[in-house]
Amino acid sequence: MAAATTPTDTGAEAVYRRYVATLNARRWEELGAVVHDDVTHDGRRMTRGQFADLLREDVAVIPDLRYDVQALVVSGDHLAARLWFDCTPARPFRGVDTGGRRVAFAEHAFYRLADGRIRTVESVVDVDAVRRQVQPG
């Protein structure tokens, strides 16, 4: 188990855990402490504000969205995480209409930090797992 971190800990793991806590608390205005001004998300450059808009949209689609870090690997300024979601989309999620049913799925995400903040995010969401849970028999 990882050692506890303090708010002044600036290591990559601490930055990432603060990022996840910020997302779970919906404290979008605090993203600047952990996300760089310019972000590359899945190959697309954007401002931190545009990135925050993507995160807000996820919450609009899935109001009970909660990021659960199941695994985290850190190597210098690079991180790999397996995130778990157990939630109820209110609208179609990534092209899948869940019909308001609760679904569970993983996201595998890779991050690179620059200057102590997240600069690059590459992620793969297991949308097929969502489809399997809502398809008839």
C-alpha atoms as a PDB file:
ATOM      1  CA  MET A   1       0.000   0.000   0.000  1.00  0.00           C
ATOM      2  CA  ALA A   2       1.269   3.480  -0.861  1.00  0.00           C
ATOM      3  CA  ALA A   3       2.339   5.801   1.910  1.00  0.00           C
ATOM      4  CA  ALA A   4      -0.091   8.524   2.855  1.00  0.00           C
ATOM      5  CA  THR A   5       0.522  11.842   1.184  1.00  0.00           C
ATOM      6  CA  THR A   6       0.172  15.298   2.580  1.00  0.00           C
ATOM      7  CA  PRO A   7      -1.267  18.326   0.756  1.00  0.00           C
ATOM      8  CA  THR A   8       2.274  19.663   0.323  1.00  0.00           C
ATOM      9  CA  ASP A   9       3.530  16.436  -1.329  1.00  0.00           C
ATOM     10  CA  THR A  10       4.209  17.266  -4.983  1.00  0.00           C
ATOM     11  CA  GLY A  11       5.191  13.805  -6.239  1.00  0.00           C
ATOM     12  CA  ALA A  12       3.405  12.441  -9.305  1.00  0.00           C
ATOM     13  CA  GLU A  13       1.236  10.084  -7.259  1.00  0.00           C
ATOM     14  CA  ALA A  14       0.161  12.879  -4.912  1.00  0.00           C
ATOM     15  CA  VAL A  15      -0.685  15.133  -7.871  1.00  0.00           C
ATOM     16  CA  TYR A  16      -2.755  12.364  -9.431  1.00  0.00           C
ATOM     17  CA  ARG A  17      -4.616  11.554  -6.232  1.00  0.00           C
ATOM     18  CA  ARG A  18      -5.404  15.276  -5.780  1.00  0.00           C
ATOM     19  CA  TYR A  19      -6.650  15.305  -9.391  1.00  0.00           C
ATOM     20  CA  VAL A  20      -9.005  12.369  -8.732  1.00  0.00           C
ATOM     21  CA  ALA A  21     -10.222  13.943  -5.476  1.00  0.00           C
ATOM     22  CA  THR A  22     -10.880  17.197  -7.368  1.00  0.00           C
ATOM     23  CA  LEU A  23     -12.907  15.331 -10.011  1.00  0.00           C
ATOM     24  CA  ASN A  24     -14.912  13.388  -7.454  1.00  0.00           C
ATOM     25  CA  ALA A  25     -15.707  16.582  -5.518  1.00  0.00           C
ATOM     26  CA  ARG A  26     -16.593  18.431  -8.772  1.00  0.00           C
ATOM     27  CA  ARG A  27     -14.191  21.239  -7.811  1.00  0.00           C
ATOM     28  CA  TRP A  28     -13.520  22.295 -11.407  1.00  0.00           C
ATOM     29  CA  GLU A  29     -12.121  25.655 -10.309  1.00  0.00           C
ATOM     30  CA  GLU A  30      -9.249  23.821  -8.558  1.00  0.00           C
ATOM     31  CA  LEU A  31      -8.038  21.928 -11.638  1.00  0.00           C
ATOM     32  CA  GLY A  32      -5.290  24.508 -12.203  1.00  0.00           C
ATOM     33  CA  ALA A  33      -3.383  23.089  -9.244  1.00  0.00           C
ATOM     34  CA  VAL A  34      -3.083  19.669 -10.898  1.00  0.00           C
ATOM     35  CA  VAL A  35      -3.736  20.156 -14.634  1.00  0.00           C
ATOM     36  CA  HIS A  36      -1.451  22.156 -16.893  1.00  0.00           C
ATOM     37  CA  ASP A  37      -2.723  25.266 -18.704  1.00  0.00           C
ATOM     38  CA  ASP A  38      -2.356  23.394 -22.011  1.00  0.00           C
ATOM     39  CA  VAL A  39      -3.425  19.756 -22.121  1.00  0.00           C
ATOM     40  CA  THR A  40      -3.263  17.062 -24.760  1.00  0.00           C
ATOM     41  CA  HIS A  41      -6.181  14.640 -24.394  1.00  0.00           C
ATOM     42  CA  ASP A  42      -6.201  11.599 -26.680  1.00  0.00           C
ATOM     43  CA  GLY A  43      -3.971  13.434 -29.139  1.00  0.00           C
ATOM     44  CA  ARG A  44      -6.002  16.655 -29.162  1.00  0.00           C
ATOM     45  CA  ARG A  45      -4.429  19.842 -27.760  1.00  0.00           C
ATOM     46  CA  MET A  46      -6.740  21.988 -25.687  1.00  0.00           C
ATOM     47  CA  THR A  47      -6.816  24.503 -22.901  1.00  0.00           C
ATOM     48  CA  ARG A  48      -7.426  23.453 -19.328  1.00  0.00           C
ATOM     49  CA  GLY A  49     -10.867  25.080 -19.654  1.00  0.00           C
ATOM     50  CA  GLN A  50     -11.725  22.909 -22.649  1.00  0.00           C
ATOM     51  CA  PHE A  51     -10.508  19.850 -20.770  1.00  0.00           C
ATOM     52  CA  ALA A  52     -12.678  20.832 -17.786  1.00  0.00           C
ATOM     53  CA  ASP A  53     -15.636  21.110 -20.171  1.00  0.00           C
ATOM     54  CA  LEU A  54     -15.072  17.478 -21.231  1.00  0.00           C
ATOM     55  CA  LEU A  55     -15.081  16.422 -17.588  1.00  0.00           C
ATOM     56  CA  ARG A  56     -18.242  18.440 -16.872  1.00  0.00           C
ATOM     57  CA  GLU A  57     -19.959  16.804 -19.843  1.00  0.00           C
ATOM     58  CA  ASP A  58     -19.104  13.353 -18.453  1.00  0.00           C
ATOM     59  CA  VAL A  59     -20.825  14.338 -15.211  1.00  0.00           C
ATOM     60  CA  ALA A  60     -23.819  15.744 -17.116  1.00  0.00           C
ATOM     61  CA  VAL A  61     -24.207  12.353 -18.827  1.00  0.00           C
ATOM     62  CA  ILE A  62     -23.433  10.387 -15.642  1.00  0.00           C
ATOM     63  CA  PRO A  63     -24.469  12.431 -12.580  1.00  0.00           C
ATOM     64  CA  ASP A  64     -23.283   9.754 -10.118  1.00  0.00           C
ATOM     65  CA  LEU A  65     -19.872   9.388 -11.803  1.00  0.00           C
ATOM     66  CA  ARG A  66     -17.148   8.592  -9.289  1.00  0.00           C
ATOM     67  CA  TYR A  67     -13.530   7.854 -10.138  1.00  0.00           C
ATOM     68  CA  ASP A  68     -12.292   4.784  -8.244  1.00  0.00           C
ATOM     69  CA  VAL A  69      -8.561   4.184  -8.688  1.00  0.00           C
ATOM     70  CA  GLN A  70      -8.109   0.415  -8.741  1.00  0.00           C
ATOM     71  CA  ALA A  71      -4.468   0.411  -9.798  1.00  0.00           C
ATOM     72  CA  LEU A  72      -1.845   3.103 -10.194  1.00  0.00           C
ATOM     73  CA  VAL A  73       1.698   2.740 -11.506  1.00  0.00           C
ATOM     74  CA  VAL A  74       4.076   5.686 -11.336  1.00  0.00           C
ATOM     75  CA  SER A  75       7.421   6.062 -13.071  1.00  0.00           C
ATOM     76  CA  GLY A  76       8.870   9.541 -12.715  1.00  0.00           C
ATOM     77  CA  ASP A  77       6.416  11.923 -14.397  1.00  0.00           C
ATOM     78  CA  HIS A  78       4.475   9.115 -16.085  1.00  0.00           C
ATOM     79  CA  LEU A  79       1.450   7.401 -14.571  1.00  0.00           C
ATOM     80  CA  ALA A  80      -0.812   4.549 -15.621  1.00  0.00           C
ATOM     81  CA  ALA A  81      -4.153   4.026 -13.909  1.00  0.00           C
ATOM     82  CA  ARG A  82      -7.009   1.585 -14.033  1.00  0.00           C
ATOM     83  CA  LEU A  83     -10.131   3.463 -13.016  1.00  0.00           C
ATOM     84  CA  TRP A  84     -13.387   1.725 -12.149  1.00  0.00           C
ATOM     85  CA  PHE A  85     -16.828   3.199 -12.605  1.00  0.00           C
ATOM     86  CA  ASP A  86     -20.086   1.820 -11.208  1.00  0.00           C
ATOM     87  CA  CYS A  87     -22.708   4.320 -12.257  1.00  0.00           C
ATOM     88  CA  THR A  88     -26.015   5.115 -13.924  1.00  0.00           C
ATOM     89  CA  PRO A  89     -25.814   7.175 -17.117  1.00  0.00           C
ATOM     90  CA  ALA A  90     -28.788   9.515 -17.460  1.00  0.00           C
ATOM     91  CA  ARG A  91     -28.237   9.857 -21.220  1.00  0.00           C
ATOM     92  CA  PRO A  92     -26.502   7.763 -23.872  1.00  0.00           C
ATOM     93  CA  PHE A  93     -22.869   7.254 -22.914  1.00  0.00           C
ATOM     94  CA  ARG A  94     -20.321   7.052 -25.737  1.00  0.00           C
ATOM     95  CA  GLY A  95     -23.081   6.077 -28.147  1.00  0.00           C
ATOM     96  CA  VAL A  96     -24.631   3.457 -25.871  1.00  0.00           C
ATOM     97  CA  ASP A  97     -28.128   4.010 -24.491  1.00  0.00           C
ATOM     98  CA  THR A  98     -28.185   2.250 -21.135  1.00  0.00           C
ATOM     99  CA  GLY A  99     -31.882   2.928 -20.668  1.00  0.00           C
ATOM    100  CA  GLY A 100     -31.109   4.311 -17.213  1.00  0.00           C
ATOM    101  CA  ARG A 101     -29.572   1.012 -16.063  1.00  0.00           C
ATOM    102  CA  ARG A 102     -26.606   0.905 -13.733  1.00  0.00           C
ATOM    103  CA  VAL A 103     -23.398  -0.223 -15.462  1.00  0.00           C
ATOM    104  CA  ALA A 104     -19.827  -0.928 -14.389  1.00  0.00           C
ATOM    105  CA  PHE A 105     -16.755  -0.510 -16.571  1.00  0.00           C
ATOM    106  CA  ALA A 106     -13.057   0.295 -16.553  1.00  0.00           C
ATOM    107  CA  GLU A 107     -10.969   3.055 -18.018  1.00  0.00           C
ATOM    108  CA  HIS A 108      -7.242   2.626 -18.565  1.00  0.00           C
ATOM    109  CA  ALA A 109      -5.523   5.989 -18.617  1.00  0.00           C
ATOM    110  CA  PHE A 110      -1.960   7.127 -19.091  1.00  0.00           C
ATOM    111  CA  TYR A 111      -0.735  10.510 -17.923  1.00  0.00           C
ATOM    112  CA  ARG A 112       2.407  12.575 -18.306  1.00  0.00           C
ATOM    113  CA  LEU A 113       3.163  15.436 -15.968  1.00  0.00           C
ATOM    114  CA  ALA A 114       5.095  18.581 -16.796  1.00  0.00           C
ATOM    115  CA  ASP A 115       6.045  21.132 -14.160  1.00  0.00           C
ATOM    116  CA  GLY A 116       4.220  19.059 -11.536  1.00  0.00           C
ATOM    117  CA  ARG A 117       0.854  19.086 -13.319  1.00  0.00           C
ATOM    118  CA  ILE A 118      -0.922  16.774 -15.760  1.00  0.00           C
ATOM    119  CA  ARG A 119      -0.005  17.719 -19.343  1.00  0.00           C
ATOM    120  CA  THR A 120      -1.008  14.630 -21.367  1.00  0.00           C
ATOM    121  CA  VAL A 121      -3.912  12.206 -20.952  1.00  0.00           C
ATOM    122  CA  GLU A 122      -4.442   9.140 -23.143  1.00  0.00           C
ATOM    123  CA  SER A 123      -7.331   6.896 -22.186  1.00  0.00           C
ATOM    124  CA  VAL A 124      -9.271   3.855 -23.293  1.00  0.00           C
ATOM    125  CA  VAL A 125     -12.782   3.371 -21.896  1.00  0.00           C
ATOM    126  CA  ASP A 126     -14.232  -0.146 -22.053  1.00  0.00           C
ATOM    127  CA  VAL A 127     -17.402   0.835 -23.904  1.00  0.00           C
ATOM    128  CA  ASP A 128     -17.881  -2.804 -24.985  1.00  0.00           C
ATOM    129  CA  ALA A 129     -18.403  -3.725 -21.317  1.00  0.00           C
ATOM    130  CA  VAL A 130     -21.193  -1.148 -21.144  1.00  0.00           C
ATOM    131  CA  ARG A 131     -22.780  -2.545 -24.339  1.00  0.00           C
ATOM    132  CA  ARG A 132     -22.660  -6.123 -23.010  1.00  0.00           C
ATOM    133  CA  GLN A 133     -24.476  -5.082 -19.841  1.00  0.00           C
ATOM    134  CA  VAL A 134     -27.378  -3.420 -21.647  1.00  0.00           C
ATOM    135  CA  GLN A 135     -27.843  -5.692 -24.671  1.00  0.00           C
ATOM    136  CA  PRO A 136     -30.737  -8.117 -24.448  1.00  0.00           C
ATOM    137  CA  GLY A 137     -29.947 -11.677 -23.483  1.00  0.00           C
END
